[in-house]
Amino acid sequence: FIKQGGLILVDNFLLRGMVVDRHIQSKNRRKMQARVDAFNQHIASSEM
């Protein structure tokens, strides 16, 4: 629903540093970390 030439902005892609934290104990936080990182990698490796 965004026009061609428009912008898409996403806040908090760093998750207060949690996105690179490999010592997270909480299962739910690990799941969120994995999802955010997967989205980040998807955009970074895309042709956009």
All heavy atoms as atom14 arrays in JSON, in Angstrom:
{
  "sequence": "FIKQGGLILVDNFLLRGMVVDRHIQSKNRRKMQARVDAFNQHIASSEM",
  "atom14_mask": [
    [1, 1, 1, 1, 1, 1, 1, 1, 1, 1, 1, 0, 0, 0],
    [1, 1, 1, 1, 1, 1, 1, 1, 0, 0, 0, 0, 0, 0],
    [1, 1, 1, 1, 1, 1, 1, 1, 1, 0, 0, 0, 0, 0],
    [1, 1, 1, 1, 1, 1, 1, 1, 1, 0, 0, 0, 0, 0],
    [1, 1, 1, 1, 0, 0, 0, 0, 0, 0, 0, 0, 0, 0],
    [1, 1, 1, 1, 0, 0, 0, 0, 0, 0, 0, 0, 0, 0],
    [1, 1, 1, 1, 1, 1, 1, 1, 0, 0, 0, 0, 0, 0],
    [1, 1, 1, 1, 1, 1, 1, 1, 0, 0, 0, 0, 0, 0],
    [1, 1, 1, 1, 1, 1, 1, 1, 0, 0, 0, 0, 0, 0],
    [1, 1, 1, 1, 1, 1, 1, 0, 0, 0, 0, 0, 0, 0],
    [1, 1, 1, 1, 1, 1, 1, 1, 0, 0, 0, 0, 0, 0],
    [1, 1, 1, 1, 1, 1, 1, 1, 0, 0, 0, 0, 0, 0],
    [1, 1, 1, 1, 1, 1, 1, 1, 1, 1, 1, 0, 0, 0],
    [1, 1, 1, 1, 1, 1, 1, 1, 0, 0, 0, 0, 0, 0],
    [1, 1, 1, 1, 1, 1, 1, 1, 0, 0, 0, 0, 0, 0],
    [1, 1, 1, 1, 1, 1, 1, 1, 1, 1, 1, 0, 0, 0],
    [1, 1, 1, 1, 0, 0, 0, 0, 0, 0, 0, 0, 0, 0],
    [1, 1, 1, 1, 1, 1, 1, 1, 0, 0, 0, 0, 0, 0],
    [1, 1, 1, 1, 1, 1, 1, 0, 0, 0, 0, 0, 0, 0],
    [1, 1, 1, 1, 1, 1, 1, 0, 0, 0, 0, 0, 0, 0],
    [1, 1, 1, 1, 1, 1, 1, 1, 0, 0, 0, 0, 0, 0],
    [1, 1, 1, 1, 1, 1, 1, 1, 1, 1, 1, 0, 0, 0],
    [1, 1, 1, 1, 1, 1, 1, 1, 1, 1, 0, 0, 0, 0],
    [1, 1, 1, 1, 1, 1, 1, 1, 0, 0, 0, 0, 0, 0],
    [1, 1, 1, 1, 1, 1, 1, 1, 1, 0, 0, 0, 0, 0],
    [1, 1, 1, 1, 1, 1, 0, 0, 0, 0, 0, 0, 0, 0],
    [1, 1, 1, 1, 1, 1, 1, 1, 1, 0, 0, 0, 0, 0],
    [1, 1, 1, 1, 1, 1, 1, 1, 0, 0, 0, 0, 0, 0],
    [1, 1, 1, 1, 1, 1, 1, 1, 1, 1, 1, 0, 0, 0],
    [1, 1, 1, 1, 1, 1, 1, 1, 1, 1, 1, 0, 0, 0],
    [1, 1, 1, 1, 1, 1, 1, 1, 1, 0, 0, 0, 0, 0],
    [1, 1, 1, 1, 1, 1, 1, 1, 0, 0, 0, 0, 0, 0],
    [1, 1, 1, 1, 1, 1, 1, 1, 1, 0, 0, 0, 0, 0],
    [1, 1, 1, 1, 1, 0, 0, 0, 0, 0, 0, 0, 0, 0],
    [1, 1, 1, 1, 1, 1, 1, 1, 1, 1, 1, 0, 0, 0],
    [1, 1, 1, 1, 1, 1, 1, 0, 0, 0, 0, 0, 0, 0],
    [1, 1, 1, 1, 1, 1, 1, 1, 0, 0, 0, 0, 0, 0],
    [1, 1, 1, 1, 1, 0, 0, 0, 0, 0, 0, 0, 0, 0],
    [1, 1, 1, 1, 1, 1, 1, 1, 1, 1, 1, 0, 0, 0],
    [1, 1, 1, 1, 1, 1, 1, 1, 0, 0, 0, 0, 0, 0],
    [1, 1, 1, 1, 1, 1, 1, 1, 1, 0, 0, 0, 0, 0],
    [1, 1, 1, 1, 1, 1, 1, 1, 1, 1, 0, 0, 0, 0],
    [1, 1, 1, 1, 1, 1, 1, 1, 0, 0, 0, 0, 0, 0],
    [1, 1, 1, 1, 1, 0, 0, 0, 0, 0, 0, 0, 0, 0],
    [1, 1, 1, 1, 1, 1, 0, 0, 0, 0, 0, 0, 0, 0],
    [1, 1, 1, 1, 1, 1, 0, 0, 0, 0, 0, 0, 0, 0],
    [1, 1, 1, 1, 1, 1, 1, 1, 1, 0, 0, 0, 0, 0],
    [1, 1, 1, 1, 1, 1, 1, 1, 0, 0, 0, 0, 0, 0]
  ],
  "atom14_positions": [
    [[0.81, -1.21, 0.0], [0.0, 0.0, 0.0], [0.85, 1.27, 0.0], [0.34, 2.38, 0.14], [-0.95, -0.01, 1.2], [-1.86, -1.2, 1.2], [-1.58, -2.31, 2.0], [-2.96, -1.25, 0.36], [-2.39, -3.43, 1.97], [-3.78, -2.36, 0.31], [-3.5, -3.46, 1.12], [0.0, 0.0, 0.0], [0.0, 0.0, 0.0], [0.0, 0.0, 0.0]],
    [[2.16, 1.09, -0.17], [3.08, 2.22, -0.26], [3.4, 2.46, -1.73], [3.66, 1.52, -2.48], [4.37, 1.95, 0.53], [4.04, 1.55, 1.97], [5.28, 3.18, 0.5], [3.14, 2.52, 2.72], [0.0, 0.0, 0.0], [0.0, 0.0, 0.0], [0.0, 0.0, 0.0], [0.0, 0.0, 0.0], [0.0, 0.0, 0.0], [0.0, 0.0, 0.0]],
    [[3.39, 3.7, -2.13], [3.61, 4.05, -3.54], [5.03, 3.7, -3.97], [5.95, 3.6, -3.15], [3.37, 5.54, -3.75], [4.45, 6.44, -3.14], [4.21, 7.91, -3.46], [5.36, 8.78, -2.96], [5.15, 10.22, -3.24], [0.0, 0.0, 0.0], [0.0, 0.0, 0.0], [0.0, 0.0, 0.0], [0.0, 0.0, 0.0], [0.0, 0.0, 0.0]],
    [[5.22, 3.52, -5.27], [6.57, 3.36, -5.8], [7.35, 4.64, -5.53], [6.86, 5.74, -5.77], [6.52, 3.07, -7.29], [6.06, 1.68, -7.64], [7.0, 0.6, -7.13], [8.21, 0.8, -7.06], [6.46, -0.54, -6.76], [0.0, 0.0, 0.0], [0.0, 0.0, 0.0], [0.0, 0.0, 0.0], [0.0, 0.0, 0.0], [0.0, 0.0, 0.0]],
    [[8.55, 4.49, -5.01], [9.35, 5.63, -4.63], [9.12, 6.07, -3.2], [9.77, 7.0, -2.72], [0.0, 0.0, 0.0], [0.0, 0.0, 0.0], [0.0, 0.0, 0.0], [0.0, 0.0, 0.0], [0.0, 0.0, 0.0], [0.0, 0.0, 0.0], [0.0, 0.0, 0.0], [0.0, 0.0, 0.0], [0.0, 0.0, 0.0], [0.0, 0.0, 0.0]],
    [[8.19, 5.38, -2.52], [7.9, 5.71, -1.12], [8.92, 5.1, -0.17], [9.84, 4.39, -0.58], [0.0, 0.0, 0.0], [0.0, 0.0, 0.0], [0.0, 0.0, 0.0], [0.0, 0.0, 0.0], [0.0, 0.0, 0.0], [0.0, 0.0, 0.0], [0.0, 0.0, 0.0], [0.0, 0.0, 0.0], [0.0, 0.0, 0.0], [0.0, 0.0, 0.0]],
    [[8.71, 5.37, 1.12], [9.63, 4.9, 2.15], [8.96, 3.93, 3.1], [7.76, 4.03, 3.37], [10.16, 6.08, 2.98], [11.13, 7.05, 2.32], [11.46, 8.17, 3.29], [12.41, 6.34, 1.88], [0.0, 0.0, 0.0], [0.0, 0.0, 0.0], [0.0, 0.0, 0.0], [0.0, 0.0, 0.0], [0.0, 0.0, 0.0], [0.0, 0.0, 0.0]],
    [[9.77, 3.0, 3.61], [9.34, 2.1, 4.68], [10.38, 2.2, 5.78], [11.57, 1.94, 5.54], [9.22, 0.65, 4.18], [8.19, 0.57, 3.04], [8.83, -0.28, 5.34], [8.23, -0.72, 2.26], [0.0, 0.0, 0.0], [0.0, 0.0, 0.0], [0.0, 0.0, 0.0], [0.0, 0.0, 0.0], [0.0, 0.0, 0.0], [0.0, 0.0, 0.0]],
    [[9.96, 2.62, 6.97], [10.87, 2.77, 8.1], [10.47, 1.79, 9.2], [9.28, 1.61, 9.47], [10.84, 4.2, 8.66], [11.72, 5.23, 7.93], [11.16, 5.54, 6.55], [11.84, 6.51, 8.74], [0.0, 0.0, 0.0], [0.0, 0.0, 0.0], [0.0, 0.0, 0.0], [0.0, 0.0, 0.0], [0.0, 0.0, 0.0], [0.0, 0.0, 0.0]],
    [[11.48, 1.18, 9.8], [11.25, 0.21, 10.87], [12.13, 0.59, 12.06], [13.35, 0.72, 11.92], [11.6, -1.23, 10.41], [11.25, -2.24, 11.52], [10.88, -1.58, 9.11], [0.0, 0.0, 0.0], [0.0, 0.0, 0.0], [0.0, 0.0, 0.0], [0.0, 0.0, 0.0], [0.0, 0.0, 0.0], [0.0, 0.0, 0.0], [0.0, 0.0, 0.0]],
    [[11.5, 0.76, 13.23], [12.25, 1.16, 14.41], [12.66, -0.06, 15.23], [12.06, -1.13, 15.14], [11.39, 2.09, 15.28], [12.22, 2.82, 16.34], [13.42, 3.02, 16.11], [11.66, 3.19, 17.39], [0.0, 0.0, 0.0], [0.0, 0.0, 0.0], [0.0, 0.0, 0.0], [0.0, 0.0, 0.0], [0.0, 0.0, 0.0], [0.0, 0.0, 0.0]],
    [[13.72, 0.11, 16.02], [14.19, -0.88, 17.0], [14.78, -2.15, 16.38], [14.63, -3.24, 16.95], [13.06, -1.3, 17.95], [12.4, -0.13, 18.64], [11.24, 0.19, 18.36], [13.12, 0.52, 19.54], [0.0, 0.0, 0.0], [0.0, 0.0, 0.0], [0.0, 0.0, 0.0], [0.0, 0.0, 0.0], [0.0, 0.0, 0.0], [0.0, 0.0, 0.0]],
    [[15.47, -2.04, 15.26], [16.03, -3.27, 14.69], [17.19, -3.82, 15.52], [17.65, -4.94, 15.3], [16.43, -3.07, 13.22], [17.69, -2.28, 12.99], [18.94, -2.85, 13.15], [17.63, -0.95, 12.59], [20.1, -2.13, 12.93], [18.78, -0.22, 12.36], [20.03, -0.81, 12.53], [0.0, 0.0, 0.0], [0.0, 0.0, 0.0], [0.0, 0.0, 0.0]],
    [[17.67, -3.04, 16.49], [18.76, -3.51, 17.36], [18.27, -4.17, 18.65], [19.05, -4.83, 19.35], [19.68, -2.34, 17.72], [20.48, -1.74, 16.57], [21.26, -0.52, 17.04], [21.43, -2.76, 15.97], [0.0, 0.0, 0.0], [0.0, 0.0, 0.0], [0.0, 0.0, 0.0], [0.0, 0.0, 0.0], [0.0, 0.0, 0.0], [0.0, 0.0, 0.0]],
    [[17.0, -3.97, 18.99], [16.43, -4.57, 20.21], [17.25, -4.26, 21.46], [17.48, -5.11, 22.3], [16.3, -6.1, 20.06], [15.27, -6.62, 19.07], [15.34, -8.15, 19.01], [13.86, -6.18, 19.44], [0.0, 0.0, 0.0], [0.0, 0.0, 0.0], [0.0, 0.0, 0.0], [0.0, 0.0, 0.0], [0.0, 0.0, 0.0], [0.0, 0.0, 0.0]],
    [[17.7, -3.01, 21.57], [18.54, -2.59, 22.71], [19.77, -3.48, 22.86], [20.22, -3.77, 23.97], [17.73, -2.58, 24.0], [16.49, -1.72, 23.96], [16.85, -0.26, 23.82], [15.65, 0.56, 23.6], [15.68, 1.84, 23.22], [16.85, 2.43, 22.99], [14.58, 2.51, 23.03], [0.0, 0.0, 0.0], [0.0, 0.0, 0.0], [0.0, 0.0, 0.0]],
    [[20.3, -3.93, 21.73], [21.49, -4.76, 21.73], [21.2, -6.25, 21.79], [22.1, -7.07, 21.58], [0.0, 0.0, 0.0], [0.0, 0.0, 0.0], [0.0, 0.0, 0.0], [0.0, 0.0, 0.0], [0.0, 0.0, 0.0], [0.0, 0.0, 0.0], [0.0, 0.0, 0.0], [0.0, 0.0, 0.0], [0.0, 0.0, 0.0], [0.0, 0.0, 0.0]],
    [[19.95, -6.61, 22.06], [19.6, -8.02, 22.21], [19.74, -8.79, 20.91], [19.92, -10.02, 20.92], [18.18, -8.14, 22.76], [17.81, -9.54, 23.2], [16.2, -9.6, 24.03], [15.09, -9.29, 22.66], [0.0, 0.0, 0.0], [0.0, 0.0, 0.0], [0.0, 0.0, 0.0], [0.0, 0.0, 0.0], [0.0, 0.0, 0.0], [0.0, 0.0, 0.0]],
    [[19.69, -8.1, 19.77], [19.75, -8.79, 18.49], [21.08, -9.51, 18.28], [21.16, -10.48, 17.51], [19.47, -7.79, 17.33], [20.66, -6.88, 17.08], [19.08, -8.53, 16.07], [0.0, 0.0, 0.0], [0.0, 0.0, 0.0], [0.0, 0.0, 0.0], [0.0, 0.0, 0.0], [0.0, 0.0, 0.0], [0.0, 0.0, 0.0], [0.0, 0.0, 0.0]],
    [[22.15, -9.09, 18.99], [23.44, -9.77, 18.87], [23.87, -10.47, 20.17], [24.99, -10.96, 20.27], [24.55, -8.77, 18.44], [24.3, -8.28, 17.03], [24.65, -7.61, 19.42], [0.0, 0.0, 0.0], [0.0, 0.0, 0.0], [0.0, 0.0, 0.0], [0.0, 0.0, 0.0], [0.0, 0.0, 0.0], [0.0, 0.0, 0.0], [0.0, 0.0, 0.0]],
    [[22.97, -10.54, 21.12], [23.28, -11.18, 22.4], [23.11, -12.69, 22.27], [22.01, -13.18, 22.02], [22.34, -10.62, 23.48], [22.69, -11.12, 24.88], [23.5, -12.06, 25.0], [22.12, -10.59, 25.85], [0.0, 0.0, 0.0], [0.0, 0.0, 0.0], [0.0, 0.0, 0.0], [0.0, 0.0, 0.0], [0.0, 0.0, 0.0], [0.0, 0.0, 0.0]],
    [[24.18, -13.42, 22.45], [24.14, -14.89, 22.31], [24.0, -15.59, 23.66], [24.19, -16.8, 23.75], [25.42, -15.38, 21.61], [25.61, -14.83, 20.21], [24.4, -15.07, 19.33], [24.51, -14.43, 18.03], [23.52, -13.83, 17.39], [22.33, -13.74, 17.98], [23.69, -13.3, 16.2], [0.0, 0.0, 0.0], [0.0, 0.0, 0.0], [0.0, 0.0, 0.0]],
    [[23.65, -14.85, 24.69], [23.53, -15.45, 26.02], [22.14, -15.25, 26.62], [21.97, -15.26, 27.83], [24.58, -14.84, 26.96], [25.99, -14.97, 26.45], [26.66, -16.17, 26.45], [26.82, -14.06, 25.9], [27.87, -15.99, 25.94], [27.99, -14.72, 25.59], [0.0, 0.0, 0.0], [0.0, 0.0, 0.0], [0.0, 0.0, 0.0], [0.0, 0.0, 0.0]],
    [[21.15, -15.1, 25.77], [19.78, -14.91, 26.24], [19.23, -16.23, 26.77], [19.3, -17.26, 26.1], [18.89, -14.38, 25.1], [19.4, -13.03, 24.61], [17.44, -14.26, 25.55], [18.71, -12.51, 23.37], [0.0, 0.0, 0.0], [0.0, 0.0, 0.0], [0.0, 0.0, 0.0], [0.0, 0.0, 0.0], [0.0, 0.0, 0.0], [0.0, 0.0, 0.0]],
    [[18.68, -16.18, 27.97], [18.14, -17.39, 28.6], [16.67, -17.62, 28.26], [16.23, -18.75, 28.11], [18.32, -17.29, 30.12], [19.76, -17.16, 30.58], [20.6, -18.36, 30.16], [20.19, -19.5, 30.28], [21.8, -18.07, 29.65], [0.0, 0.0, 0.0], [0.0, 0.0, 0.0], [0.0, 0.0, 0.0], [0.0, 0.0, 0.0], [0.0, 0.0, 0.0]],
    [[15.91, -16.53, 28.16], [14.47, -16.64, 27.93], [14.17, -17.18, 26.53], [14.67, -16.68, 25.53], [13.82, -15.26, 28.1], [12.51, -15.27, 27.58], [0.0, 0.0, 0.0], [0.0, 0.0, 0.0], [0.0, 0.0, 0.0], [0.0, 0.0, 0.0], [0.0, 0.0, 0.0], [0.0, 0.0, 0.0], [0.0, 0.0, 0.0], [0.0, 0.0, 0.0]],
    [[13.34, -18.21, 26.49], [12.96, -18.81, 25.21], [12.2, -17.8, 24.34], [12.43, -17.72, 23.12], [12.09, -20.05, 25.45], [11.67, -20.77, 24.18], [10.85, -22.0, 24.5], [10.42, -22.72, 23.23], [9.6, -23.93, 23.54], [0.0, 0.0, 0.0], [0.0, 0.0, 0.0], [0.0, 0.0, 0.0], [0.0, 0.0, 0.0], [0.0, 0.0, 0.0]],
    [[11.3, -17.03, 24.96], [10.52, -16.05, 24.19], [11.42, -14.95, 23.63], [11.23, -14.5, 22.49], [9.43, -15.43, 25.07], [8.3, -16.39, 25.35], [8.09, -17.35, 24.6], [7.58, -16.17, 26.43], [0.0, 0.0, 0.0], [0.0, 0.0, 0.0], [0.0, 0.0, 0.0], [0.0, 0.0, 0.0], [0.0, 0.0, 0.0], [0.0, 0.0, 0.0]],
    [[12.41, -14.53, 24.41], [13.32, -13.5, 23.91], [14.2, -14.02, 22.79], [14.52, -13.3, 21.84], [14.17, -12.96, 25.05], [13.39, -12.1, 26.03], [14.31, -11.32, 26.94], [13.57, -10.37, 27.74], [14.14, -9.39, 28.43], [15.45, -9.24, 28.42], [13.41, -8.55, 29.13], [0.0, 0.0, 0.0], [0.0, 0.0, 0.0], [0.0, 0.0, 0.0]],
    [[14.63, -15.28, 22.91], [15.43, -15.88, 21.84], [14.62, -15.96, 20.55], [15.14, -15.74, 19.45], [15.93, -17.27, 22.24], [17.02, -17.26, 23.3], [17.79, -18.57, 23.3], [16.92, -19.73, 23.43], [16.54, -20.26, 24.59], [16.96, -19.73, 25.73], [15.76, -21.31, 24.62], [0.0, 0.0, 0.0], [0.0, 0.0, 0.0], [0.0, 0.0, 0.0]],
    [[13.34, -16.28, 20.71], [12.46, -16.37, 19.54], [12.31, -15.0, 18.88], [12.38, -14.88, 17.65], [11.09, -16.92, 19.96], [10.12, -17.13, 18.82], [8.82, -17.73, 19.32], [7.83, -17.94, 18.18], [6.55, -18.53, 18.66], [0.0, 0.0, 0.0], [0.0, 0.0, 0.0], [0.0, 0.0, 0.0], [0.0, 0.0, 0.0], [0.0, 0.0, 0.0]],
    [[12.1, -13.97, 19.69], [11.97, -12.62, 19.14], [13.28, -12.18, 18.48], [13.28, -11.6, 17.39], [11.57, -11.62, 20.22], [11.42, -10.2, 19.69], [10.7, -9.05, 20.87], [11.96, -9.05, 22.16], [0.0, 0.0, 0.0], [0.0, 0.0, 0.0], [0.0, 0.0, 0.0], [0.0, 0.0, 0.0], [0.0, 0.0, 0.0], [0.0, 0.0, 0.0]],
    [[14.4, -12.48, 19.14], [15.7, -12.14, 18.58], [15.87, -12.78, 17.21], [16.31, -12.13, 16.24], [16.82, -12.63, 19.5], [18.22, -12.39, 18.97], [19.25, -13.28, 19.67], [19.08, -14.5, 19.74], [20.28, -12.66, 20.23], [0.0, 0.0, 0.0], [0.0, 0.0, 0.0], [0.0, 0.0, 0.0], [0.0, 0.0, 0.0], [0.0, 0.0, 0.0]],
    [[15.54, -14.06, 17.11], [15.7, -14.78, 15.85], [14.82, -14.18, 14.75], [15.25, -14.05, 13.6], [15.35, -16.26, 16.05], [0.0, 0.0, 0.0], [0.0, 0.0, 0.0], [0.0, 0.0, 0.0], [0.0, 0.0, 0.0], [0.0, 0.0, 0.0], [0.0, 0.0, 0.0], [0.0, 0.0, 0.0], [0.0, 0.0, 0.0], [0.0, 0.0, 0.0]],
    [[13.61, -13.79, 15.12], [12.69, -13.22, 14.12], [13.17, -11.86, 13.63], [13.12, -11.57, 12.43], [11.29, -13.1, 14.72], [10.53, -14.42, 14.82], [9.15, -14.19, 15.38], [8.22, -15.22, 14.97], [6.91, -15.18, 15.19], [6.4, -14.13, 15.83], [6.12, -16.14, 14.8], [0.0, 0.0, 0.0], [0.0, 0.0, 0.0], [0.0, 0.0, 0.0]],
    [[13.61, -11.04, 14.56], [14.1, -9.7, 14.18], [15.34, -9.83, 13.32], [15.48, -9.16, 12.29], [14.36, -8.84, 15.42], [15.08, -7.55, 15.04], [13.05, -8.51, 16.13], [0.0, 0.0, 0.0], [0.0, 0.0, 0.0], [0.0, 0.0, 0.0], [0.0, 0.0, 0.0], [0.0, 0.0, 0.0], [0.0, 0.0, 0.0], [0.0, 0.0, 0.0]],
    [[16.28, -10.7, 13.73], [17.5, -10.88, 12.95], [17.18, -11.43, 11.57], [17.79, -11.0, 10.58], [18.45, -11.82, 13.69], [19.76, -12.01, 12.94], [20.4, -11.0, 12.61], [20.12, -13.17, 12.66], [0.0, 0.0, 0.0], [0.0, 0.0, 0.0], [0.0, 0.0, 0.0], [0.0, 0.0, 0.0], [0.0, 0.0, 0.0], [0.0, 0.0, 0.0]],
    [[16.23, -12.36, 11.49], [15.86, -12.93, 10.19], [15.3, -11.85, 9.26], [15.61, -11.81, 8.06], [14.84, -14.05, 10.39], [0.0, 0.0, 0.0], [0.0, 0.0, 0.0], [0.0, 0.0, 0.0], [0.0, 0.0, 0.0], [0.0, 0.0, 0.0], [0.0, 0.0, 0.0], [0.0, 0.0, 0.0], [0.0, 0.0, 0.0], [0.0, 0.0, 0.0]],
    [[14.48, -10.95, 9.81], [13.95, -9.86, 9.0], [15.06, -8.92, 8.56], [15.13, -8.52, 7.39], [12.89, -9.09, 9.79], [12.4, -7.86, 9.08], [11.61, -7.96, 7.95], [12.73, -6.59, 9.56], [11.16, -6.82, 7.28], [12.27, -5.46, 8.9], [11.5, -5.57, 7.76], [0.0, 0.0, 0.0], [0.0, 0.0, 0.0], [0.0, 0.0, 0.0]],
    [[15.95, -8.57, 9.49], [17.08, -7.7, 9.15], [17.91, -8.31, 8.02], [18.29, -7.62, 7.06], [17.97, -7.47, 10.37], [17.29, -6.65, 11.46], [16.25, -6.02, 11.23], [17.88, -6.67, 12.65], [0.0, 0.0, 0.0], [0.0, 0.0, 0.0], [0.0, 0.0, 0.0], [0.0, 0.0, 0.0], [0.0, 0.0, 0.0], [0.0, 0.0, 0.0]],
    [[18.22, -9.6, 8.15], [19.04, -10.27, 7.13], [18.3, -10.34, 5.8], [18.92, -10.22, 4.73], [19.42, -11.67, 7.61], [20.24, -11.71, 8.89], [21.58, -11.01, 8.76], [22.12, -10.89, 7.67], [22.12, -10.54, 9.88], [0.0, 0.0, 0.0], [0.0, 0.0, 0.0], [0.0, 0.0, 0.0], [0.0, 0.0, 0.0], [0.0, 0.0, 0.0]],
    [[17.0, -10.55, 5.88], [16.19, -10.61, 4.66], [16.28, -9.28, 3.89], [16.49, -9.28, 2.67], [14.73, -10.91, 5.02], [13.77, -10.69, 3.89], [13.7, -11.51, 2.79], [12.84, -9.71, 3.69], [12.78, -11.06, 1.95], [12.24, -9.97, 2.47], [0.0, 0.0, 0.0], [0.0, 0.0, 0.0], [0.0, 0.0, 0.0], [0.0, 0.0, 0.0]],
    [[16.13, -8.17, 4.59], [16.19, -6.86, 3.94], [17.61, -6.59, 3.44], [17.8, -6.12, 2.3], [15.75, -5.75, 4.9], [14.28, -5.94, 5.31], [15.95, -4.38, 4.26], [13.29, -5.9, 4.18], [0.0, 0.0, 0.0], [0.0, 0.0, 0.0], [0.0, 0.0, 0.0], [0.0, 0.0, 0.0], [0.0, 0.0, 0.0], [0.0, 0.0, 0.0]],
    [[18.6, -6.89, 4.26], [20.0, -6.62, 3.88], [20.42, -7.39, 2.64], [21.22, -6.89, 1.83], [20.92, -6.95, 5.05], [0.0, 0.0, 0.0], [0.0, 0.0, 0.0], [0.0, 0.0, 0.0], [0.0, 0.0, 0.0], [0.0, 0.0, 0.0], [0.0, 0.0, 0.0], [0.0, 0.0, 0.0], [0.0, 0.0, 0.0], [0.0, 0.0, 0.0]],
    [[19.9, -8.6, 2.48], [20.31, -9.44, 1.35], [19.38, -9.31, 0.14], [19.62, -9.92, -0.89], [20.35, -10.92, 1.79], [19.06, -11.35, 2.19], [0.0, 0.0, 0.0], [0.0, 0.0, 0.0], [0.0, 0.0, 0.0], [0.0, 0.0, 0.0], [0.0, 0.0, 0.0], [0.0, 0.0, 0.0], [0.0, 0.0, 0.0], [0.0, 0.0, 0.0]],
    [[18.34, -8.5, 0.28], [17.4, -8.32, -0.82], [17.94, -7.32, -1.83], [19.0, -6.71, -1.63], [16.05, -7.82, -0.28], [16.14, -6.44, 0.06], [0.0, 0.0, 0.0], [0.0, 0.0, 0.0], [0.0, 0.0, 0.0], [0.0, 0.0, 0.0], [0.0, 0.0, 0.0], [0.0, 0.0, 0.0], [0.0, 0.0, 0.0], [0.0, 0.0, 0.0]],
    [[17.22, -7.12, -2.91], [17.63, -6.17, -3.94], [17.07, -4.77, -3.68], [17.22, -3.87, -4.51], [17.2, -6.67, -5.31], [17.9, -7.96, -5.72], [17.55, -8.4, -7.13], [16.42, -8.09, -7.58], [18.4, -9.03, -7.78], [0.0, 0.0, 0.0], [0.0, 0.0, 0.0], [0.0, 0.0, 0.0], [0.0, 0.0, 0.0], [0.0, 0.0, 0.0]],
    [[16.41, -4.59, -2.53], [15.88, -3.28, -2.19], [16.97, -2.36, -1.66], [17.9, -2.82, -1.0], [14.78, -3.42, -1.12], [13.54, -4.13, -1.6], [12.33, -4.39, -0.28], [13.13, -5.71, 0.63], [0.0, 0.0, 0.0], [0.0, 0.0, 0.0], [0.0, 0.0, 0.0], [0.0, 0.0, 0.0], [0.0, 0.0, 0.0], [0.0, 0.0, 0.0]]
  ]
}
